[in-house]
Amino acid sequence: MPRILGIVIPDNKKILYSLPYIYGVGLSSSRIILQSANVDPDKRAKDLTSDELNKIQKIIEKNYKVEGDLRREVGQNVKRLKEIGTWRGMRHARRLPIHGRTRVNSRTTRGNVRKTMGSGRKPSSEKT
């Protein structure tokens, strides 16, 4: 299994779809990385040579913030929002949804899980 930046990427997938297993690398940035490294995106990860892996790793280290650095930065941003007391910071602190229809979609986060409408019904053959 190939390792890039300490992350073991799946070897049976194409390298285009294996690179997004690295935190901070998505599908579009994976395409850009492979283009600049002159690596065929249809190649399987297990078929890459060590030279190609080194090219990919150098490009990622040089141009992208990934894994630990990115996680640390995101954590610091959330911490800053909490400290200054913004709405988003308060939502983060209470572990509630930050965006969207928070009244409807936050049931599981609030612990208010409701069953589906027909879950408590008796079978239609029985009398009510």
N, C-alpha and C. Protein backbone atom coordinates (compact mmCIF):
# COMPACT_ATOMS: atom_id res chain seq x y z
N MET A 1 0.84 -1.19 0.00
CA MET A 1 0.00 0.00 0.00
C MET A 1 0.89 1.25 0.00
N PRO A 2 0.63 2.17 -0.91
CA PRO A 2 1.45 3.39 -0.96
C PRO A 2 1.12 4.33 0.20
N ARG A 3 2.17 5.00 0.69
CA ARG A 3 2.01 5.98 1.76
C ARG A 3 2.40 7.35 1.23
N ILE A 4 1.52 8.31 1.42
CA ILE A 4 1.81 9.69 1.05
C ILE A 4 1.56 10.54 2.28
N LEU A 5 2.57 11.26 2.73
CA LEU A 5 2.49 12.13 3.91
C LEU A 5 2.03 11.36 5.15
N GLY A 6 2.44 10.10 5.26
CA GLY A 6 2.09 9.30 6.42
C GLY A 6 0.70 8.69 6.36
N ILE A 7 -0.02 8.89 5.28
CA ILE A 7 -1.36 8.34 5.12
C ILE A 7 -1.31 7.18 4.15
N VAL A 8 -1.86 6.06 4.55
CA VAL A 8 -1.93 4.90 3.66
C VAL A 8 -3.14 5.08 2.77
N ILE A 9 -2.90 5.18 1.47
CA ILE A 9 -4.00 5.35 0.53
C ILE A 9 -4.35 3.99 -0.06
N PRO A 10 -5.63 3.78 -0.41
CA PRO A 10 -6.04 2.47 -0.95
C PRO A 10 -5.33 2.18 -2.27
N ASP A 11 -4.84 0.96 -2.41
CA ASP A 11 -4.05 0.65 -3.59
C ASP A 11 -4.85 0.09 -4.76
N ASN A 12 -6.07 -0.35 -4.54
CA ASN A 12 -6.85 -0.91 -5.65
C ASN A 12 -7.64 0.15 -6.40
N LYS A 13 -7.67 1.37 -5.89
CA LYS A 13 -8.41 2.44 -6.56
C LYS A 13 -7.47 3.20 -7.48
N LYS A 14 -8.07 3.93 -8.42
CA LYS A 14 -7.28 4.81 -9.27
C LYS A 14 -6.71 5.91 -8.39
N ILE A 15 -5.53 6.40 -8.77
CA ILE A 15 -4.84 7.39 -7.94
C ILE A 15 -5.65 8.68 -7.84
N LEU A 16 -6.45 8.98 -8.85
CA LEU A 16 -7.31 10.17 -8.81
C LEU A 16 -8.28 10.11 -7.64
N TYR A 17 -8.78 8.91 -7.34
CA TYR A 17 -9.75 8.76 -6.26
C TYR A 17 -9.09 8.34 -4.95
N SER A 18 -7.83 8.00 -4.97
CA SER A 18 -7.12 7.63 -3.75
C SER A 18 -6.58 8.85 -3.02
N LEU A 19 -6.17 9.87 -3.76
CA LEU A 19 -5.58 11.05 -3.13
C LEU A 19 -6.53 11.79 -2.18
N PRO A 20 -7.86 11.85 -2.45
CA PRO A 20 -8.74 12.53 -1.50
C PRO A 20 -8.85 11.87 -0.13
N TYR A 21 -8.21 10.72 0.09
CA TYR A 21 -8.16 10.13 1.42
C TYR A 21 -7.27 10.97 2.34
N ILE A 22 -6.46 11.85 1.76
CA ILE A 22 -5.64 12.76 2.54
C ILE A 22 -6.50 13.95 2.91
N TYR A 23 -6.54 14.29 4.21
CA TYR A 23 -7.36 15.40 4.69
C TYR A 23 -6.83 16.70 4.10
N GLY A 24 -7.67 17.40 3.37
CA GLY A 24 -7.29 18.66 2.75
C GLY A 24 -7.11 18.55 1.24
N VAL A 25 -7.18 17.34 0.70
CA VAL A 25 -7.08 17.14 -0.75
C VAL A 25 -8.42 16.60 -1.22
N GLY A 26 -9.08 17.34 -2.10
CA GLY A 26 -10.35 16.89 -2.66
C GLY A 26 -10.15 16.36 -4.07
N LEU A 27 -11.25 16.10 -4.73
CA LEU A 27 -11.18 15.53 -6.08
C LEU A 27 -10.61 16.53 -7.08
N SER A 28 -11.02 17.79 -7.00
CA SER A 28 -10.52 18.77 -7.96
C SER A 28 -9.04 19.06 -7.74
N SER A 29 -8.62 19.16 -6.48
CA SER A 29 -7.19 19.39 -6.23
C SER A 29 -6.38 18.15 -6.57
N SER A 30 -6.98 16.97 -6.46
CA SER A 30 -6.31 15.74 -6.86
C SER A 30 -6.00 15.76 -8.36
N ARG A 31 -6.95 16.24 -9.16
CA ARG A 31 -6.72 16.35 -10.61
C ARG A 31 -5.56 17.30 -10.90
N ILE A 32 -5.54 18.44 -10.20
CA ILE A 32 -4.48 19.44 -10.41
C ILE A 32 -3.12 18.87 -10.03
N ILE A 33 -3.07 18.15 -8.91
CA ILE A 33 -1.81 17.57 -8.44
C ILE A 33 -1.28 16.57 -9.47
N LEU A 34 -2.16 15.71 -9.97
CA LEU A 34 -1.73 14.69 -10.93
C LEU A 34 -1.30 15.30 -12.26
N GLN A 35 -1.96 16.39 -12.67
CA GLN A 35 -1.57 17.07 -13.90
C GLN A 35 -0.18 17.66 -13.76
N SER A 36 0.08 18.32 -12.64
CA SER A 36 1.37 18.97 -12.46
C SER A 36 2.49 17.94 -12.24
N ALA A 37 2.16 16.74 -11.76
CA ALA A 37 3.16 15.69 -11.57
C ALA A 37 3.32 14.82 -12.81
N ASN A 38 2.53 15.07 -13.84
CA ASN A 38 2.54 14.28 -15.07
C ASN A 38 2.31 12.80 -14.80
N VAL A 39 1.30 12.51 -13.98
CA VAL A 39 0.92 11.14 -13.66
C VAL A 39 -0.45 10.89 -14.26
N ASP A 40 -0.62 9.72 -14.87
CA ASP A 40 -1.89 9.34 -15.47
C ASP A 40 -2.93 9.12 -14.37
N PRO A 41 -4.05 9.86 -14.40
CA PRO A 41 -5.06 9.72 -13.34
C PRO A 41 -5.77 8.36 -13.35
N ASP A 42 -5.69 7.63 -14.45
CA ASP A 42 -6.34 6.32 -14.53
C ASP A 42 -5.47 5.19 -13.98
N LYS A 43 -4.25 5.51 -13.60
CA LYS A 43 -3.34 4.51 -13.06
C LYS A 43 -3.77 4.11 -11.66
N ARG A 44 -3.65 2.85 -11.32
CA ARG A 44 -3.96 2.37 -9.97
C ARG A 44 -2.85 2.79 -9.02
N ALA A 45 -3.21 3.00 -7.77
CA ALA A 45 -2.24 3.48 -6.79
C ALA A 45 -1.12 2.47 -6.57
N LYS A 46 -1.43 1.17 -6.68
CA LYS A 46 -0.39 0.16 -6.45
C LYS A 46 0.60 0.09 -7.61
N ASP A 47 0.23 0.63 -8.79
CA ASP A 47 1.10 0.59 -9.96
C ASP A 47 2.04 1.78 -10.06
N LEU A 48 1.95 2.72 -9.12
CA LEU A 48 2.81 3.90 -9.18
C LEU A 48 4.24 3.54 -8.80
N THR A 49 5.17 4.19 -9.49
CA THR A 49 6.57 3.99 -9.13
C THR A 49 6.91 4.90 -7.96
N SER A 50 8.04 4.63 -7.32
CA SER A 50 8.45 5.46 -6.18
C SER A 50 8.76 6.88 -6.62
N ASP A 51 9.24 7.04 -7.86
CA ASP A 51 9.52 8.37 -8.40
C ASP A 51 8.23 9.19 -8.53
N GLU A 52 7.18 8.55 -9.03
CA GLU A 52 5.89 9.24 -9.18
C GLU A 52 5.31 9.60 -7.81
N LEU A 53 5.43 8.69 -6.84
CA LEU A 53 4.95 8.98 -5.49
C LEU A 53 5.70 10.15 -4.87
N ASN A 54 7.01 10.21 -5.10
CA ASN A 54 7.80 11.33 -4.58
C ASN A 54 7.39 12.65 -5.21
N LYS A 55 7.11 12.64 -6.53
CA LYS A 55 6.66 13.85 -7.21
C LYS A 55 5.34 14.35 -6.60
N ILE A 56 4.40 13.42 -6.41
CA ILE A 56 3.10 13.78 -5.85
C ILE A 56 3.26 14.34 -4.44
N GLN A 57 4.10 13.70 -3.64
CA GLN A 57 4.30 14.13 -2.25
C GLN A 57 4.94 15.51 -2.20
N LYS A 58 5.91 15.78 -3.06
CA LYS A 58 6.56 17.09 -3.07
C LYS A 58 5.58 18.19 -3.45
N ILE A 59 4.73 17.91 -4.44
CA ILE A 59 3.75 18.91 -4.88
C ILE A 59 2.76 19.22 -3.75
N ILE A 60 2.30 18.18 -3.06
CA ILE A 60 1.35 18.38 -1.96
C ILE A 60 2.00 19.16 -0.82
N GLU A 61 3.24 18.80 -0.46
CA GLU A 61 3.93 19.50 0.63
C GLU A 61 4.18 20.97 0.29
N LYS A 62 4.48 21.22 -0.97
CA LYS A 62 4.84 22.57 -1.39
C LYS A 62 3.62 23.50 -1.51
N ASN A 63 2.51 22.98 -2.04
CA ASN A 63 1.40 23.85 -2.41
C ASN A 63 0.16 23.77 -1.53
N TYR A 64 0.04 22.73 -0.70
CA TYR A 64 -1.20 22.53 0.03
C TYR A 64 -0.95 22.41 1.52
N LYS A 65 -1.92 22.87 2.30
CA LYS A 65 -1.91 22.67 3.74
C LYS A 65 -2.80 21.47 4.01
N VAL A 66 -2.22 20.39 4.52
CA VAL A 66 -2.96 19.14 4.69
C VAL A 66 -2.75 18.57 6.08
N GLU A 67 -3.60 17.60 6.42
CA GLU A 67 -3.53 16.80 7.64
C GLU A 67 -3.39 17.64 8.90
N GLY A 68 -2.33 17.46 9.67
CA GLY A 68 -2.20 18.06 10.99
C GLY A 68 -2.27 19.58 10.98
N ASP A 69 -1.57 20.20 10.04
CA ASP A 69 -1.57 21.66 9.97
C ASP A 69 -2.96 22.21 9.69
N LEU A 70 -3.67 21.57 8.76
CA LEU A 70 -5.01 22.02 8.41
C LEU A 70 -5.99 21.80 9.55
N ARG A 71 -5.91 20.64 10.20
CA ARG A 71 -6.79 20.36 11.35
C ARG A 71 -6.54 21.36 12.47
N ARG A 72 -5.28 21.69 12.71
CA ARG A 72 -4.93 22.65 13.75
C ARG A 72 -5.50 24.03 13.42
N GLU A 73 -5.38 24.43 12.15
CA GLU A 73 -5.89 25.74 11.74
C GLU A 73 -7.41 25.82 11.88
N VAL A 74 -8.12 24.77 11.47
CA VAL A 74 -9.57 24.75 11.59
C VAL A 74 -9.98 24.81 13.06
N GLY A 75 -9.27 24.04 13.90
CA GLY A 75 -9.56 24.06 15.33
C GLY A 75 -9.33 25.43 15.94
N GLN A 76 -8.28 26.12 15.52
CA GLN A 76 -8.01 27.47 16.02
C GLN A 76 -9.09 28.45 15.57
N ASN A 77 -9.59 28.28 14.35
CA ASN A 77 -10.66 29.16 13.86
C ASN A 77 -11.92 28.98 14.69
N VAL A 78 -12.26 27.73 15.00
CA VAL A 78 -13.46 27.45 15.80
C VAL A 78 -13.27 28.01 17.21
N LYS A 79 -12.09 27.83 17.76
CA LYS A 79 -11.79 28.32 19.11
C LYS A 79 -11.92 29.85 19.17
N ARG A 80 -11.42 30.53 18.11
CA ARG A 80 -11.52 31.99 18.04
C ARG A 80 -12.97 32.44 17.99
N LEU A 81 -13.81 31.73 17.22
CA LEU A 81 -15.23 32.07 17.14
C LEU A 81 -15.90 31.92 18.50
N LYS A 82 -15.52 30.88 19.26
CA LYS A 82 -16.09 30.67 20.59
C LYS A 82 -15.66 31.78 21.54
N GLU A 83 -14.39 32.17 21.47
CA GLU A 83 -13.86 33.18 22.40
C GLU A 83 -14.48 34.54 22.19
N ILE A 84 -14.71 34.93 20.94
CA ILE A 84 -15.27 36.26 20.71
C ILE A 84 -16.78 36.28 20.83
N GLY A 85 -17.38 35.11 21.02
CA GLY A 85 -18.80 35.05 21.33
C GLY A 85 -19.74 35.25 20.17
N THR A 86 -19.32 34.83 18.99
CA THR A 86 -20.20 34.97 17.83
C THR A 86 -21.29 33.91 17.86
N TRP A 87 -22.28 34.09 17.01
CA TRP A 87 -23.38 33.13 16.91
C TRP A 87 -22.84 31.76 16.53
N ARG A 88 -21.98 31.73 15.51
CA ARG A 88 -21.41 30.46 15.07
C ARG A 88 -20.58 29.82 16.18
N GLY A 89 -19.88 30.65 16.94
CA GLY A 89 -19.09 30.13 18.04
C GLY A 89 -19.95 29.51 19.12
N MET A 90 -21.09 30.14 19.41
CA MET A 90 -22.00 29.58 20.42
C MET A 90 -22.61 28.27 19.93
N ARG A 91 -22.93 28.19 18.64
CA ARG A 91 -23.49 26.97 18.08
C ARG A 91 -22.45 25.84 18.14
N HIS A 92 -21.18 26.18 17.86
CA HIS A 92 -20.11 25.18 17.97
C HIS A 92 -19.99 24.69 19.41
N ALA A 93 -20.04 25.62 20.35
CA ALA A 93 -19.86 25.27 21.76
C ALA A 93 -20.98 24.34 22.25
N ARG A 94 -22.18 24.56 21.77
CA ARG A 94 -23.32 23.73 22.18
C ARG A 94 -23.47 22.49 21.32
N ARG A 95 -22.56 22.33 20.35
CA ARG A 95 -22.57 21.18 19.44
C ARG A 95 -23.90 21.09 18.68
N LEU A 96 -24.36 22.23 18.19
CA LEU A 96 -25.58 22.30 17.39
C LEU A 96 -25.21 22.64 15.95
N PRO A 97 -26.13 22.43 15.01
CA PRO A 97 -25.84 22.79 13.62
C PRO A 97 -25.60 24.29 13.48
N ILE A 98 -24.68 24.67 12.62
CA ILE A 98 -24.32 26.07 12.45
C ILE A 98 -25.10 26.69 11.30
N HIS A 99 -25.31 25.92 10.26
CA HIS A 99 -25.98 26.42 9.06
C HIS A 99 -27.27 25.65 8.82
N GLY A 100 -28.16 26.23 8.06
CA GLY A 100 -29.31 25.49 7.56
C GLY A 100 -30.53 25.55 8.44
N ARG A 101 -31.43 24.62 8.22
CA ARG A 101 -32.70 24.57 8.94
C ARG A 101 -32.46 23.91 10.29
N THR A 102 -31.97 24.67 11.23
CA THR A 102 -31.52 24.09 12.49
C THR A 102 -32.66 23.61 13.37
N ARG A 103 -33.85 24.16 13.21
CA ARG A 103 -34.96 23.73 14.04
C ARG A 103 -35.39 22.31 13.68
N VAL A 104 -35.38 22.02 12.39
CA VAL A 104 -35.86 20.75 11.91
C VAL A 104 -34.75 19.70 11.92
N ASN A 105 -33.58 20.09 11.48
CA ASN A 105 -32.54 19.11 11.21
C ASN A 105 -31.62 18.81 12.39
N SER A 106 -31.87 19.38 13.55
CA SER A 106 -30.94 19.16 14.65
C SER A 106 -31.51 18.21 15.69
N ARG A 107 -32.50 17.42 15.33
CA ARG A 107 -33.12 16.53 16.31
C ARG A 107 -32.13 15.56 16.93
N THR A 108 -31.33 14.93 16.11
CA THR A 108 -30.42 13.92 16.64
C THR A 108 -29.34 14.56 17.50
N THR A 109 -28.92 15.76 17.17
CA THR A 109 -27.92 16.44 17.97
C THR A 109 -28.50 16.83 19.32
N ARG A 110 -29.75 17.23 19.33
CA ARG A 110 -30.39 17.65 20.58
C ARG A 110 -30.83 16.45 21.41
N GLY A 111 -30.82 15.27 20.85
CA GLY A 111 -31.27 14.09 21.57
C GLY A 111 -32.76 13.89 21.49
N ASN A 112 -33.42 14.59 20.58
CA ASN A 112 -34.87 14.52 20.42
C ASN A 112 -35.17 13.68 19.18
N VAL A 113 -34.92 12.39 19.27
CA VAL A 113 -35.10 11.53 18.10
C VAL A 113 -36.54 11.02 18.11
N ARG A 114 -37.25 11.32 17.04
CA ARG A 114 -38.64 10.85 16.91
C ARG A 114 -38.67 9.72 15.92
N LYS A 115 -39.56 8.79 16.16
CA LYS A 115 -39.71 7.67 15.24
C LYS A 115 -40.55 8.11 14.05
N THR A 116 -40.57 7.30 13.02
CA THR A 116 -41.39 7.63 11.86
C THR A 116 -42.87 7.53 12.22
N MET A 117 -43.71 8.08 11.39
CA MET A 117 -45.12 8.22 11.72
C MET A 117 -45.81 6.88 11.97
N GLY A 118 -45.50 5.88 11.17
CA GLY A 118 -46.22 4.62 11.27
C GLY A 118 -45.55 3.60 12.18
N SER A 119 -44.53 4.00 12.92
CA SER A 119 -43.76 3.01 13.65
C SER A 119 -44.52 2.43 14.85
N GLY A 120 -45.47 3.17 15.42
CA GLY A 120 -46.16 2.68 16.59
C GLY A 120 -47.52 2.12 16.28
N ARG A 121 -47.87 2.01 15.04
CA ARG A 121 -49.19 1.55 14.66
C ARG A 121 -49.32 0.05 14.79
N LYS A 122 -50.53 -0.37 15.05
CA LYS A 122 -50.83 -1.80 15.08
C LYS A 122 -51.06 -2.25 13.64
N PRO A 123 -50.86 -3.53 13.36
CA PRO A 123 -51.16 -4.02 12.00
C PRO A 123 -52.64 -3.80 11.67
N SER A 124 -52.94 -3.61 10.40
CA SER A 124 -54.31 -3.27 9.99
C SER A 124 -55.29 -4.41 10.25
N SER A 125 -54.82 -5.64 10.46
CA SER A 125 -55.72 -6.75 10.70
C SER A 125 -56.33 -6.71 12.11
N GLU A 126 -55.59 -6.08 13.04
CA GLU A 126 -56.11 -6.01 14.41
C GLU A 126 -57.12 -4.88 14.56
N LYS A 127 -58.03 -5.00 15.52
CA LYS A 127 -58.97 -3.94 15.79
C LYS A 127 -58.30 -2.89 16.65
N THR A 128 -58.72 -1.67 16.45
CA THR A 128 -58.14 -0.59 17.24
C THR A 128 -58.92 -0.32 18.49
